[in-house]
Amino acid sequence: MTDYVRKILDSRVYDVAVQTPLDKMVRLSARIGSPVLLKREDLQPVFSFKIRGAYNRIAQLSPEQRAAGVICASAGNHAQGVALSAQKLGIKATIVMPVTTPPIKIDAVRYWGGNAVLFGDTFDEAAAHARKLEVEQKLTFVHPYDDPDVIAGQGTIGMEILQQHPDPIEAVFVPIGGGGLAAGVASFIKFLRPETKVIGVEPADAASMKAAIETGDRVVLNRVGLFADGVAVRQAGAETFRLCRELLNDVITADTDEMCAAIKDIFEDTRVIAEPAGALALAGLKAYAAANPTRSGALVAISSGANMNFDRLRHVAERAEVGEAREILLGVTIPEKPGSYRRFIQTIGNQVITEFNYRYAEAKEANVFVGIKLSDARQEKAKLIEQLRSLDYKVLDISADETAKLHIRYMVGGRAPPELKGEVILRFEFPERPGALLKFLDQMEPDWNITLFHYRNHGADYGRILVGLQVPEADRGRMGERLSALGYPYEDETDNPVYRMFLNG
């Protein structure tokens, strides 16, 4: 740890990075009853902390390495950090990015003087190509996290936090992808203030560091969720794992809805829109505060970036209220007879209805997809559901069902006819690029009928798709082989209760 403290103190980050403010979140502090401070790395020149580690690594290169140039693989903030750092030092930078990378990110790399090379559909394919070019062109590879100079550069954030807040700090919350930021921050803070907790926060669907620490070895996740693409890493770094296992007090997770709620919190206190990975640490801070009502000292979250695609805001707005436990989603079965709708609304009372989807389906019963706004869903949800069930309504709590929130809420009324047999429902993530759907269709047998298809753009470099396929039972094994060859992440949702409630015939 002492070696890293020395490297952090010697880091050459301020040639290009700025010391970002540590702002108090007034509204959130009042809500949770503790001072909440936000380290504003969204105010860096590339709107992300990544500039610190990238510049510190490149600044250490020998004259021969500088003359040859640098290379990295990234579709996001690290790419911009490397490009700007190389421009500042007069070095050629090649940035390999997946073909699926949104134009806004490619344009940003080129704006900072980087040579953007587009290769492959996935980050892994882009990274493999970057390593190939590294050898062929004798370039220096700048790793996004698993490098001592990168770790030290990110660790200057921990140094600034302690300088800016000399009063007691109970815990500092750090987002984790590969672990470079957490390793650097923890190295400095634990050396000077060992009593201060340093807690890593990962997405619930991309928790590679948490899995590594729990098992005692670095694991490779089969897949990772892509909503917080800035921290969607399948395997933690070797050096970062060593440091995080030794120094972190805990690693906790946050789901998509909690990140959306944290984005809203940051906006309400700063009028800045964080990217999902940028709000991840604050989501973890809020979960910690809820689980630990007795606290002393400030709580600090690192807002790691604000490179948000504008089109994603509609998705964030839809999910923030659920993440804040101020909205619940229910599937309710009511009698199909005059007056039922009025009686149902009377039962809900003065609560605000945020969504109401219904279409006549059967002579006896009707299924309603309803969103209800509550002041505190954690306390009020159970009471409302119990009240509805006491009136003989069948109630299904679907607040945590991804398929319901992403797809079925927009499809109520599209129930399949009873004669449709053998329908399989699959939820996919398609790369957002021309030909992705055709590639999917090419894997299908001609006699496998597509019975359902729902797609909605979320402003990301992947699309969320719900597909229904009519596949004979004898072909199910072959279908699995075809989908594995396709390589698109998917989940089988055939037994999803919300699908059966609203769409199944």
Protein backbone atom coordinates (compact mmCIF):
# COMPACT_ATOMS: atom_id res chain seq x y z
CA MET A 1 0.00 0.00 0.00
CA THR A 2 2.87 2.39 0.81
CA ASP A 3 4.23 2.03 -2.74
CA TYR A 4 0.86 3.04 -4.17
CA VAL A 5 0.58 6.06 -1.86
CA ARG A 6 3.97 7.21 -3.14
CA LYS A 7 2.90 6.63 -6.76
CA ILE A 8 -0.32 8.56 -6.16
CA LEU A 9 1.56 11.51 -4.69
CA ASP A 10 3.92 11.47 -7.69
CA SER A 11 1.17 11.09 -10.30
CA ARG A 12 1.23 13.49 -13.20
CA VAL A 13 -2.47 14.03 -13.63
CA TYR A 14 -2.84 17.78 -13.22
CA ASP A 15 -1.19 18.62 -16.55
CA VAL A 16 -4.58 17.81 -18.05
CA ALA A 17 -7.02 16.80 -15.28
CA VAL A 18 -8.60 19.26 -12.82
CA GLN A 19 -9.22 18.99 -9.10
CA THR A 20 -12.95 18.46 -9.06
CA PRO A 21 -15.22 19.82 -6.32
CA LEU A 22 -16.71 17.79 -3.48
CA ASP A 23 -20.27 19.10 -3.45
CA LYS A 24 -22.85 18.61 -0.74
CA MET A 25 -26.12 17.11 -1.97
CA VAL A 26 -28.45 19.28 0.07
CA ARG A 27 -31.74 17.58 -0.80
CA LEU A 28 -30.50 14.02 -0.43
CA SER A 29 -28.64 14.86 2.80
CA ALA A 30 -31.89 16.11 4.31
CA ARG A 31 -33.74 12.98 3.19
CA ILE A 32 -31.36 10.40 4.66
CA GLY A 33 -30.23 12.37 7.71
CA SER A 34 -26.47 12.40 7.00
CA PRO A 35 -24.19 14.72 5.01
CA VAL A 36 -23.94 13.31 1.48
CA LEU A 37 -21.02 14.59 -0.59
CA LEU A 38 -20.58 14.04 -4.32
CA LYS A 39 -17.10 13.96 -5.88
CA ARG A 40 -17.75 15.60 -9.23
CA GLU A 41 -15.58 13.72 -11.73
CA ASP A 42 -18.21 14.54 -14.36
CA LEU A 43 -16.52 17.97 -14.49
CA GLN A 44 -13.28 16.64 -15.98
CA PRO A 45 -12.42 17.76 -19.56
CA VAL A 46 -13.72 14.43 -20.93
CA PHE A 47 -16.60 14.35 -18.38
CA SER A 48 -15.06 11.30 -16.65
CA PHE A 49 -12.35 10.34 -14.14
CA LYS A 50 -10.66 8.13 -16.77
CA ILE A 51 -8.43 11.02 -17.88
CA ARG A 52 -6.43 10.72 -14.64
CA GLY A 53 -5.21 7.15 -15.07
CA ALA A 54 -4.79 7.38 -18.83
CA TYR A 55 -2.62 10.50 -18.63
CA ASN A 56 -0.51 9.22 -15.74
CA ARG A 57 0.22 6.00 -17.66
CA ILE A 58 1.10 7.73 -20.92
CA ALA A 59 3.21 10.37 -19.16
CA GLN A 60 5.50 7.59 -17.85
CA LEU A 61 6.41 6.30 -21.34
CA SER A 62 9.98 6.34 -22.59
CA PRO A 63 10.92 8.54 -25.58
CA GLU A 64 10.97 5.41 -27.79
CA GLN A 65 7.49 4.36 -26.65
CA ARG A 66 6.14 7.87 -27.21
CA ALA A 67 7.54 7.93 -30.73
CA ALA A 68 5.79 4.63 -31.59
CA GLY A 69 2.41 5.65 -30.12
CA VAL A 70 -0.23 4.11 -27.88
CA ILE A 71 -3.29 1.96 -28.38
CA CYS A 72 -6.31 0.97 -26.31
CA ALA A 73 -9.65 -0.77 -26.69
CA SER A 74 -12.65 1.11 -25.40
CA ALA A 75 -16.11 2.23 -26.41
CA GLY A 76 -16.42 4.92 -23.77
CA ASN A 77 -14.66 7.11 -21.27
CA HIS A 78 -11.25 5.43 -21.34
CA ALA A 79 -11.12 6.02 -25.09
CA GLN A 80 -11.58 9.75 -24.65
CA GLY A 81 -9.08 9.85 -21.79
CA VAL A 82 -6.39 8.17 -23.88
CA ALA A 83 -7.11 10.35 -26.92
CA LEU A 84 -6.90 13.63 -24.97
CA SER A 85 -3.83 12.52 -23.02
CA ALA A 86 -1.99 11.54 -26.20
CA GLN A 87 -2.94 14.81 -27.87
CA LYS A 88 -1.63 16.76 -24.88
CA LEU A 89 1.71 14.92 -25.05
CA GLY A 90 1.99 14.94 -28.84
CA ILE A 91 1.66 11.16 -29.19
CA LYS A 92 -0.25 9.19 -31.81
CA ALA A 93 -3.20 7.30 -30.30
CA THR A 94 -5.15 4.45 -31.88
CA ILE A 95 -8.49 3.64 -30.24
CA VAL A 96 -10.15 0.35 -31.24
CA MET A 97 -13.92 0.51 -30.74
CA PRO A 98 -16.69 -2.01 -31.52
CA VAL A 99 -18.65 -1.32 -34.69
CA THR A 100 -21.73 -0.98 -32.45
CA THR A 101 -20.30 2.12 -30.69
CA PRO A 102 -22.71 5.09 -30.95
CA PRO A 103 -21.47 7.89 -33.26
CA ILE A 104 -21.35 10.38 -30.36
CA LYS A 105 -18.53 8.38 -28.73
CA ILE A 106 -16.62 7.88 -31.98
CA ASP A 107 -16.88 11.61 -32.73
CA ALA A 108 -15.59 12.45 -29.24
CA VAL A 109 -12.47 10.31 -29.75
CA ARG A 110 -11.78 11.94 -33.10
CA TYR A 111 -12.36 15.39 -31.61
CA TRP A 112 -9.51 14.74 -29.17
CA GLY A 113 -7.21 13.62 -31.99
CA GLY A 114 -7.55 9.85 -31.63
CA ASN A 115 -7.54 7.47 -34.59
CA ALA A 116 -10.80 5.54 -34.10
CA VAL A 117 -10.61 2.03 -35.56
CA LEU A 118 -13.95 0.21 -35.65
CA PHE A 119 -13.72 -3.56 -35.31
CA GLY A 120 -16.06 -6.34 -34.13
CA ASP A 121 -19.51 -6.40 -32.59
CA THR A 122 -18.34 -6.68 -28.97
CA PHE A 123 -15.72 -5.18 -26.69
CA ASP A 124 -13.91 -8.53 -26.47
CA GLU A 125 -13.50 -8.61 -30.26
CA ALA A 126 -12.28 -5.00 -30.29
CA ALA A 127 -9.81 -5.72 -27.45
CA ALA A 128 -8.39 -8.76 -29.25
CA HIS A 129 -7.87 -6.66 -32.39
CA ALA A 130 -6.17 -3.93 -30.35
CA ARG A 131 -3.75 -6.48 -28.89
CA LYS A 132 -3.00 -7.70 -32.43
CA LEU A 133 -2.24 -4.16 -33.62
CA GLU A 134 -0.13 -3.58 -30.50
CA VAL A 135 2.25 -6.34 -31.56
CA GLU A 136 2.20 -5.60 -35.28
CA GLN A 137 2.84 -1.86 -34.92
CA LYS A 138 4.95 -2.01 -31.72
CA LEU A 139 2.52 0.24 -29.85
CA THR A 140 2.10 0.58 -26.07
CA PHE A 141 -1.22 -0.75 -24.81
CA VAL A 142 -2.90 1.51 -22.24
CA HIS A 143 -5.03 -0.73 -20.05
CA PRO A 144 -8.26 0.84 -18.73
CA TYR A 145 -7.74 -0.38 -15.15
CA ASP A 146 -5.24 -3.20 -14.53
CA ASP A 147 -2.03 -1.17 -14.55
CA PRO A 148 -0.15 0.37 -11.57
CA ASP A 149 0.21 3.79 -13.20
CA VAL A 150 -3.48 3.85 -14.14
CA ILE A 151 -4.45 2.79 -10.61
CA ALA A 152 -2.23 5.51 -9.12
CA GLY A 153 -3.70 8.16 -11.41
CA GLN A 154 -7.25 7.23 -10.33
CA GLY A 155 -6.07 7.22 -6.70
CA THR A 156 -5.55 10.99 -6.80
CA ILE A 157 -9.34 11.21 -6.34
CA GLY A 158 -8.94 9.69 -2.85
CA MET A 159 -6.19 12.19 -2.07
CA GLU A 160 -8.44 15.09 -3.09
CA ILE A 161 -11.40 13.82 -1.04
CA LEU A 162 -9.33 13.78 2.17
CA GLN A 163 -7.88 17.23 1.42
CA GLN A 164 -11.32 18.68 0.70
CA HIS A 165 -13.08 17.13 3.70
CA PRO A 166 -10.83 16.97 6.80
CA ASP A 167 -13.83 16.17 9.01
CA PRO A 168 -14.82 12.54 9.73
CA ILE A 169 -16.03 10.46 6.80
CA GLU A 170 -17.94 7.28 7.57
CA ALA A 171 -17.67 5.77 4.10
CA VAL A 172 -16.55 6.51 0.56
CA PHE A 173 -18.49 4.72 -2.20
CA VAL A 174 -16.65 3.91 -5.42
CA PRO A 175 -18.05 2.43 -8.66
CA ILE A 176 -16.31 -0.74 -9.82
CA GLY A 177 -15.89 -2.05 -13.36
CA GLY A 178 -12.43 -3.55 -13.59
CA GLY A 179 -11.49 -2.05 -10.23
CA GLY A 180 -8.83 0.56 -11.05
CA LEU A 181 -10.67 3.46 -9.42
CA ALA A 182 -11.57 1.47 -6.29
CA ALA A 183 -8.03 0.10 -5.91
CA GLY A 184 -6.46 3.54 -6.22
CA VAL A 185 -8.88 5.38 -3.95
CA ALA A 186 -8.76 2.65 -1.28
CA SER A 187 -4.93 2.57 -1.34
CA PHE A 188 -4.73 6.24 -0.36
CA ILE A 189 -7.67 6.53 2.02
CA LYS A 190 -6.91 3.35 3.96
CA PHE A 191 -3.30 4.47 4.44
CA LEU A 192 -4.21 7.87 5.91
CA ARG A 193 -7.62 7.16 7.46
CA PRO A 194 -7.99 3.43 8.09
CA GLU A 195 -11.17 4.07 10.10
CA THR A 196 -12.96 5.35 6.98
CA LYS A 197 -14.81 2.62 5.10
CA VAL A 198 -14.22 2.29 1.37
CA ILE A 199 -17.09 0.43 -0.25
CA GLY A 200 -17.18 -0.70 -3.86
CA VAL A 201 -20.45 -0.64 -5.81
CA GLU A 202 -21.17 -2.82 -8.85
CA PRO A 203 -24.25 -3.36 -11.02
CA ALA A 204 -26.21 -6.38 -9.84
CA ASP A 205 -25.88 -7.89 -13.34
CA ALA A 206 -22.12 -7.23 -13.69
CA ALA A 207 -20.66 -7.88 -10.23
CA SER A 208 -17.34 -9.46 -11.22
CA MET A 209 -15.30 -8.02 -8.32
CA LYS A 210 -17.86 -9.10 -5.73
CA ALA A 211 -17.87 -12.62 -7.18
CA ALA A 212 -14.05 -12.69 -7.17
CA ILE A 213 -13.76 -11.61 -3.54
CA GLU A 214 -16.44 -14.06 -2.41
CA THR A 215 -14.81 -17.02 -4.20
CA GLY A 216 -11.22 -15.98 -3.49
CA ASP A 217 -10.22 -15.95 -7.14
CA ARG A 218 -10.99 -13.95 -10.27
CA VAL A 219 -14.00 -15.39 -12.02
CA VAL A 220 -15.25 -14.75 -15.54
CA LEU A 221 -18.95 -13.94 -15.62
CA ASN A 222 -20.90 -15.71 -18.35
CA ARG A 223 -22.47 -12.41 -19.32
CA VAL A 224 -22.91 -8.90 -17.97
CA GLY A 225 -25.77 -6.45 -18.20
CA LEU A 226 -25.07 -3.44 -20.37
CA PHE A 227 -27.19 -0.67 -18.87
CA ALA A 228 -24.18 0.66 -16.94
CA ASP A 229 -21.84 0.06 -19.87
CA GLY A 230 -19.01 2.00 -18.23
CA VAL A 231 -18.63 -0.74 -15.60
CA ALA A 232 -19.79 -3.80 -17.58
CA VAL A 233 -16.67 -5.93 -17.04
CA ARG A 234 -16.78 -9.74 -17.07
CA GLN A 235 -13.57 -10.23 -15.06
CA ALA A 236 -11.87 -8.00 -12.51
CA GLY A 237 -8.22 -7.12 -13.10
CA ALA A 238 -5.46 -9.15 -11.45
CA GLU A 239 -3.76 -6.26 -9.65
CA THR A 240 -7.03 -4.50 -8.88
CA PHE A 241 -8.44 -7.72 -7.40
CA ARG A 242 -5.38 -8.06 -5.16
CA LEU A 243 -5.79 -4.53 -3.83
CA CYS A 244 -9.60 -4.52 -3.54
CA ARG A 245 -9.66 -7.85 -1.69
CA GLU A 246 -7.18 -6.44 0.81
CA LEU A 247 -8.51 -2.89 1.21
CA LEU A 248 -12.25 -2.67 0.55
CA ASN A 249 -14.62 -2.98 3.49
CA ASP A 250 -17.38 -4.34 1.27
CA VAL A 251 -18.69 -4.60 -2.28
CA ILE A 252 -22.41 -4.04 -2.70
CA THR A 253 -24.64 -4.03 -5.78
CA ALA A 254 -27.33 -1.81 -7.26
CA ASP A 255 -29.89 -2.69 -9.92
CA THR A 256 -31.01 -0.69 -12.95
CA ASP A 257 -33.91 0.99 -11.17
CA GLU A 258 -31.69 2.08 -8.28
CA MET A 259 -29.19 3.59 -10.70
CA CYS A 260 -31.98 5.46 -12.49
CA ALA A 261 -33.18 6.84 -9.15
CA ALA A 262 -29.63 7.95 -8.34
CA ILE A 263 -29.36 9.72 -11.71
CA LYS A 264 -32.49 11.62 -10.75
CA ASP A 265 -31.04 12.47 -7.31
CA ILE A 266 -27.89 13.88 -8.89
CA PHE A 267 -29.95 15.93 -11.31
CA GLU A 268 -32.15 17.34 -8.57
CA ASP A 269 -29.14 18.46 -6.49
CA THR A 270 -26.73 19.53 -9.25
CA ARG A 271 -28.77 19.88 -12.46
CA VAL A 272 -26.23 17.53 -14.08
CA ILE A 273 -27.23 14.28 -15.79
CA ALA A 274 -24.91 11.44 -14.79
CA GLU A 275 -24.43 8.36 -16.92
CA PRO A 276 -25.58 5.08 -15.28
CA ALA A 277 -22.04 4.13 -14.20
CA GLY A 278 -21.58 7.69 -12.93
CA ALA A 279 -24.56 7.33 -10.58
CA LEU A 280 -23.71 3.79 -9.46
CA ALA A 281 -21.76 4.82 -6.35
CA LEU A 282 -24.61 7.05 -5.16
CA ALA A 283 -27.08 4.19 -5.63
CA GLY A 284 -24.87 2.09 -3.36
CA LEU A 285 -24.61 4.92 -0.84
CA LYS A 286 -28.40 5.14 -0.60
CA ALA A 287 -28.70 1.37 -0.10
CA TYR A 288 -26.06 1.53 2.64
CA ALA A 289 -27.85 4.42 4.36
CA ALA A 290 -31.16 2.52 4.32
CA ALA A 291 -29.50 -0.57 5.84
CA ASN A 292 -27.50 1.39 8.45
CA PRO A 293 -29.78 3.93 10.17
CA THR A 294 -27.17 4.67 12.85
CA ARG A 295 -24.35 6.59 11.16
CA SER A 296 -21.62 9.06 12.06
CA GLY A 297 -19.67 11.21 9.66
CA ALA A 298 -20.24 12.09 6.03
CA LEU A 299 -21.03 9.70 3.21
CA VAL A 300 -19.12 10.35 -0.02
CA ALA A 301 -20.00 9.02 -3.49
CA ILE A 302 -17.83 9.42 -6.58
CA SER A 303 -19.81 10.61 -9.59
CA SER A 304 -17.52 9.00 -12.13
CA GLY A 305 -18.89 10.32 -15.41
CA ALA A 306 -21.60 12.10 -17.37
CA ASN A 307 -21.25 10.75 -20.91
CA MET A 308 -24.93 10.00 -21.29
CA ASN A 309 -26.63 9.48 -24.63
CA PHE A 310 -29.61 11.84 -24.67
CA ASP A 311 -31.98 9.15 -26.00
CA ARG A 312 -31.49 7.09 -22.82
CA LEU A 313 -33.18 9.71 -20.67
CA ARG A 314 -36.69 8.47 -21.41
CA HIS A 315 -35.73 5.02 -20.11
CA VAL A 316 -34.14 6.56 -17.01
CA ALA A 317 -37.23 8.68 -16.32
CA GLU A 318 -39.50 5.64 -16.61
CA ARG A 319 -37.49 3.61 -14.12
CA ALA A 320 -36.43 6.23 -11.57
CA GLU A 321 -39.65 6.21 -9.56
CA VAL A 322 -39.57 2.42 -9.18
CA GLY A 323 -35.93 2.64 -8.12
CA GLU A 324 -36.78 5.27 -5.53
CA ALA A 325 -39.56 3.03 -4.17
CA ARG A 326 -42.15 5.66 -5.09
CA GLU A 327 -43.93 3.63 -7.76
CA ILE A 328 -45.14 0.04 -7.91
CA LEU A 329 -46.31 -1.99 -10.89
CA LEU A 330 -49.08 -4.54 -10.43
CA GLY A 331 -50.92 -7.04 -12.56
CA VAL A 332 -54.47 -7.19 -11.21
CA THR A 333 -57.28 -9.50 -12.30
CA ILE A 334 -60.73 -7.92 -11.90
CA PRO A 335 -64.22 -9.26 -12.77
CA GLU A 336 -65.27 -8.41 -16.33
CA LYS A 337 -68.57 -6.74 -15.47
CA PRO A 338 -69.98 -3.21 -15.31
CA GLY A 339 -68.68 -1.21 -12.34
CA SER A 340 -65.50 -3.27 -11.79
CA TYR A 341 -63.18 -0.58 -13.07
CA ARG A 342 -64.81 2.07 -10.86
CA ARG A 343 -64.63 -0.20 -7.80
CA PHE A 344 -60.96 -0.91 -8.48
CA ILE A 345 -60.13 2.81 -8.69
CA GLN A 346 -62.08 3.48 -5.50
CA THR A 347 -60.00 0.81 -3.74
CA ILE A 348 -56.78 2.52 -4.78
CA GLY A 349 -58.18 5.72 -3.31
CA ASN A 350 -56.25 8.96 -3.67
CA GLN A 351 -53.06 7.34 -4.93
CA VAL A 352 -51.80 8.66 -8.27
CA ILE A 353 -52.12 6.17 -11.13
CA THR A 354 -49.07 6.49 -13.39
CA GLU A 355 -50.04 3.84 -15.93
CA PHE A 356 -53.14 1.85 -16.75
CA ASN A 357 -53.22 -0.78 -19.52
CA TYR A 358 -56.26 -2.90 -20.20
CA ARG A 359 -58.04 -4.60 -23.09
CA TYR A 360 -61.08 -6.85 -23.05
CA ALA A 361 -59.95 -10.48 -23.26
CA GLU A 362 -62.44 -12.86 -21.66
CA ALA A 363 -66.07 -12.84 -20.68
CA LYS A 364 -65.46 -13.39 -16.96
CA GLU A 365 -62.19 -11.69 -16.00
CA ALA A 366 -59.97 -8.80 -17.10
CA ASN A 367 -56.26 -8.32 -16.46
CA VAL A 368 -55.01 -4.81 -15.74
CA PHE A 369 -51.40 -3.61 -15.88
CA VAL A 370 -51.29 -0.67 -13.48
CA GLY A 371 -48.62 1.67 -12.11
CA ILE A 372 -49.34 3.41 -8.79
CA LYS A 373 -47.33 6.22 -7.23
CA LEU A 374 -46.78 5.94 -3.48
CA SER A 375 -44.94 8.19 -1.06
CA ASP A 376 -42.98 5.19 0.24
CA ALA A 377 -43.55 1.93 -1.61
CA ARG A 378 -41.49 -0.09 0.86
CA GLN A 379 -44.04 0.60 3.59
CA GLU A 380 -47.25 1.09 1.61
CA LYS A 381 -47.05 -1.61 -1.06
CA ALA A 382 -47.85 -4.58 1.15
CA LYS A 383 -50.83 -2.80 2.70
CA LEU A 384 -52.31 -1.89 -0.71
CA ILE A 385 -51.84 -5.42 -2.10
CA GLU A 386 -53.45 -6.92 1.00
CA GLN A 387 -56.39 -4.53 0.64
CA LEU A 388 -56.91 -5.51 -3.02
CA ARG A 389 -56.70 -9.22 -2.24
CA SER A 390 -59.22 -8.84 0.59
CA LEU A 391 -61.68 -7.75 -2.11
CA ASP A 392 -60.97 -10.96 -4.08
CA TYR A 393 -58.76 -9.29 -6.67
CA LYS A 394 -55.87 -11.48 -7.85
CA VAL A 395 -52.70 -9.37 -7.58
CA LEU A 396 -49.24 -10.00 -9.03
CA ASP A 397 -46.43 -7.65 -7.94
CA ILE A 398 -44.40 -7.04 -11.12
CA SER A 399 -42.29 -4.09 -9.93
CA ALA A 400 -39.06 -6.09 -10.28
CA ASP A 401 -39.86 -7.96 -13.50
CA GLU A 402 -37.55 -6.77 -16.32
CA THR A 403 -39.65 -8.29 -19.10
CA ALA A 404 -42.74 -6.55 -17.79
CA LYS A 405 -41.00 -3.17 -17.51
CA LEU A 406 -39.12 -3.33 -20.81
CA HIS A 407 -41.72 -4.93 -23.06
CA ILE A 408 -45.07 -6.19 -21.82
CA ARG A 409 -46.27 -2.82 -20.49
CA TYR A 410 -46.34 -1.67 -24.15
CA MET A 411 -48.04 -4.80 -25.48
CA VAL A 412 -51.12 -5.24 -23.29
CA GLY A 413 -54.02 -6.20 -25.56
CA GLY A 414 -51.97 -8.38 -27.88
CA ARG A 415 -53.06 -11.73 -26.48
CA ALA A 416 -52.32 -14.77 -28.67
CA PRO A 417 -55.23 -16.88 -29.99
CA PRO A 418 -55.90 -20.18 -28.16
CA GLU A 419 -54.86 -22.24 -31.18
CA LEU A 420 -51.25 -20.98 -30.98
CA LYS A 421 -49.24 -23.92 -29.63
CA GLY A 422 -45.57 -24.31 -28.72
CA GLU A 423 -44.74 -20.62 -28.30
CA VAL A 424 -41.32 -19.86 -26.79
CA ILE A 425 -40.64 -16.33 -25.43
CA LEU A 426 -37.05 -15.06 -25.45
CA ARG A 427 -35.65 -11.72 -24.24
CA PHE A 428 -32.56 -10.61 -26.19
CA GLU A 429 -29.92 -7.92 -26.30
CA PHE A 430 -29.18 -7.22 -29.99
CA PRO A 431 -26.22 -5.07 -31.05
CA GLU A 432 -27.47 -1.75 -32.43
CA ARG A 433 -26.07 -2.12 -35.94
CA PRO A 434 -27.39 -2.78 -39.44
CA GLY A 435 -27.89 -6.47 -40.10
CA ALA A 436 -28.37 -7.54 -36.47
CA LEU A 437 -31.96 -8.67 -37.06
CA LEU A 438 -31.07 -10.40 -40.32
CA LYS A 439 -28.28 -12.29 -38.57
CA PHE A 440 -30.86 -13.46 -36.01
CA LEU A 441 -33.32 -14.53 -38.71
CA ASP A 442 -30.63 -16.44 -40.58
CA GLN A 443 -30.26 -18.72 -37.54
CA MET A 444 -33.95 -19.61 -37.56
CA GLU A 445 -35.42 -22.60 -39.38
CA PRO A 446 -37.96 -21.68 -42.12
CA ASP A 447 -40.75 -23.50 -40.27
CA TRP A 448 -40.12 -21.73 -36.94
CA ASN A 449 -42.84 -19.09 -36.94
CA ILE A 450 -42.16 -15.69 -35.33
CA THR A 451 -45.29 -15.06 -33.26
CA LEU A 452 -44.26 -11.93 -31.32
CA PHE A 453 -41.64 -9.21 -31.70
CA HIS A 454 -41.16 -6.08 -29.61
CA TYR A 455 -38.25 -3.65 -29.83
CA ARG A 456 -37.76 -0.26 -28.25
CA ASN A 457 -34.67 1.91 -28.66
CA HIS A 458 -33.09 3.00 -25.37
CA GLY A 459 -30.31 5.15 -26.79
CA ALA A 460 -27.65 2.53 -26.06
CA ASP A 461 -25.35 0.49 -28.31
CA TYR A 462 -27.59 -2.54 -27.88
CA GLY A 463 -31.33 -3.10 -28.33
CA ARG A 464 -33.76 -4.80 -25.96
CA ILE A 465 -35.88 -7.30 -27.90
CA LEU A 466 -38.72 -9.63 -26.93
CA VAL A 467 -39.31 -12.45 -29.44
CA GLY A 468 -41.95 -15.15 -29.62
CA LEU A 469 -41.14 -18.28 -31.65
CA GLN A 470 -43.41 -21.19 -32.45
CA VAL A 471 -40.96 -24.09 -32.26
CA PRO A 472 -41.92 -27.79 -32.20
CA GLU A 473 -40.85 -29.59 -29.03
CA ALA A 474 -38.55 -31.84 -31.05
CA ASP A 475 -36.64 -28.80 -32.34
CA ARG A 476 -35.94 -27.17 -28.95
CA GLY A 477 -32.43 -28.63 -28.67
CA ARG A 478 -31.54 -27.42 -32.16
CA MET A 479 -32.96 -24.00 -31.29
CA GLY A 480 -30.60 -23.77 -28.30
CA GLU A 481 -27.64 -24.64 -30.52
CA ARG A 482 -28.61 -21.99 -33.07
CA LEU A 483 -28.99 -19.32 -30.39
CA SER A 484 -25.60 -20.20 -28.88
CA ALA A 485 -24.02 -19.84 -32.32
CA LEU A 486 -25.74 -16.47 -32.75
CA GLY A 487 -23.96 -15.10 -29.67
CA TYR A 488 -26.63 -12.59 -28.61
CA PRO A 489 -27.30 -12.63 -24.83
CA TYR A 490 -30.81 -13.87 -24.07
CA GLU A 491 -33.12 -15.16 -21.35
CA ASP A 492 -35.96 -17.65 -21.76
CA GLU A 493 -39.13 -15.92 -20.53
CA THR A 494 -41.67 -18.57 -21.58
CA ASP A 495 -42.69 -19.17 -17.95
CA ASN A 496 -42.74 -15.49 -17.03
CA PRO A 497 -46.00 -14.93 -15.09
CA VAL A 498 -46.55 -11.46 -16.59
CA TYR A 499 -46.31 -12.84 -20.12
CA ARG A 500 -48.81 -15.54 -19.20
CA MET A 501 -51.12 -13.00 -17.62
CA PHE A 502 -51.25 -10.50 -20.47
CA LEU A 503 -50.06 -12.09 -23.73
CA ASN A 504 -50.42 -15.88 -23.59
CA GLY A 505 -53.50 -17.36 -25.16
